């Protein structure tokens, strides 16, 4: 049942589901719970930040998912295998790789604090109980930017970061199955530098994905990228980033990614096309109504290790959907209950994540004690220790996953904003 090749079969058959935890999202308890819930609900891929602590946390959640899969199957959830673990990297400035920041000491005393209200990640706080902190919680912020225009005195800014090639190899060696590269039209040289650092490890990967928003000469740029990276020993996904980090803001957010998906499909690029950026509960219905989904693949043979089509295959349908902000916000009420239970329990615990042979530690972790073991103080929150919340959370995650996995069953999913 725990067949690593199962996710690639889903990609070939056109019902690939990816959870995007967030390229800048480093709140470890949430990453762990999201990974566990969506893995048990049948997700094919979990995409996390290229951060050693985040990767180790996701790996721990997947280990727990393996142990609980029989229990999930007995409850009627479709969990044929453990999802692939993917990390996101960038070759230049990108909204997915940034953090908001501001100086709370200059906020007017009578400010209504709209930034705190609008933040979907609850990353902005004022006078936090316990330590009185005010500002942006760095680990929770994933760079959506919704706080920027709403600040009455326009004092919120962002800081961006770019993936460093030296950090790539150890991340792959720590058990990552796939890599996604975020790029934009016109950055071919930047992409080439990043790709050169990845090349020695490509044979270890099960999947390569390239994420790119729309732009002038997009198709020419994607063909140039394909010429640069081919041939590949593994499948290739083109992720159409229609409207980044907007899936939870309304029905119309999905239109941009569907339109971009059509554009890339029409170009006939070798590989699979997967939507992202604005995906929500309306996306699958929209794709189905436009005839862009298929679940028919007579060539697939269960038990074979040839589920993944060659990287040169051209597809005529959307092969999958990635859900980010919508998938996270969907589960946030239940994960909030988990945090509340923990707040009523024991004092803070020290989580020790063993990270062997990590030569480069991200700047925000440089305060940690050494490079072989990273000690991160977090509250001891384990979703599996609360069975009632665990299976409620898996059920809610399944209500989104099953839209793509069960084409005739598209339940109405509530949005909690």
Foldseek 3Di string as FASTA:
>chain_A
DADLLVQQLLLLLQLAEEEEAFQQAQPLVLLLLLLLLLLLQAHAEYEYHLAVVSLLSSVVSLVVNVVCNVVSVVVPHDNPHGHAYEYEFELDDDQRFKFKWFDPVPQDPPDPPVLCVPDLQNQADALDPPPRDGIGNRNRGRRPCPSQVVRPVNGMDMDGDGDDLLQPVLSLVVPHAEYEYEYEPPCVVSVLVNVVSCVVPQVRHQEYEYEYEDDPCVLVRVVVVDVSDPPGPHAYEYEYAQAAPCQQPDDPFLPRQVVSQQVNLVSQAQGAYEYDHNDALCNLVVQVVVVQGGSDDVVDDPPDSCSHDGSRHRDNHHSYYYYYSQLSQLLVVLVVVQVVVLVPDDDWDKDKRARQPRPDHPPVQVVADDDGIGIDTDGPGDQVVPVVSSVVSSVLSSQRSCVSVPVVDRDDRDGDD
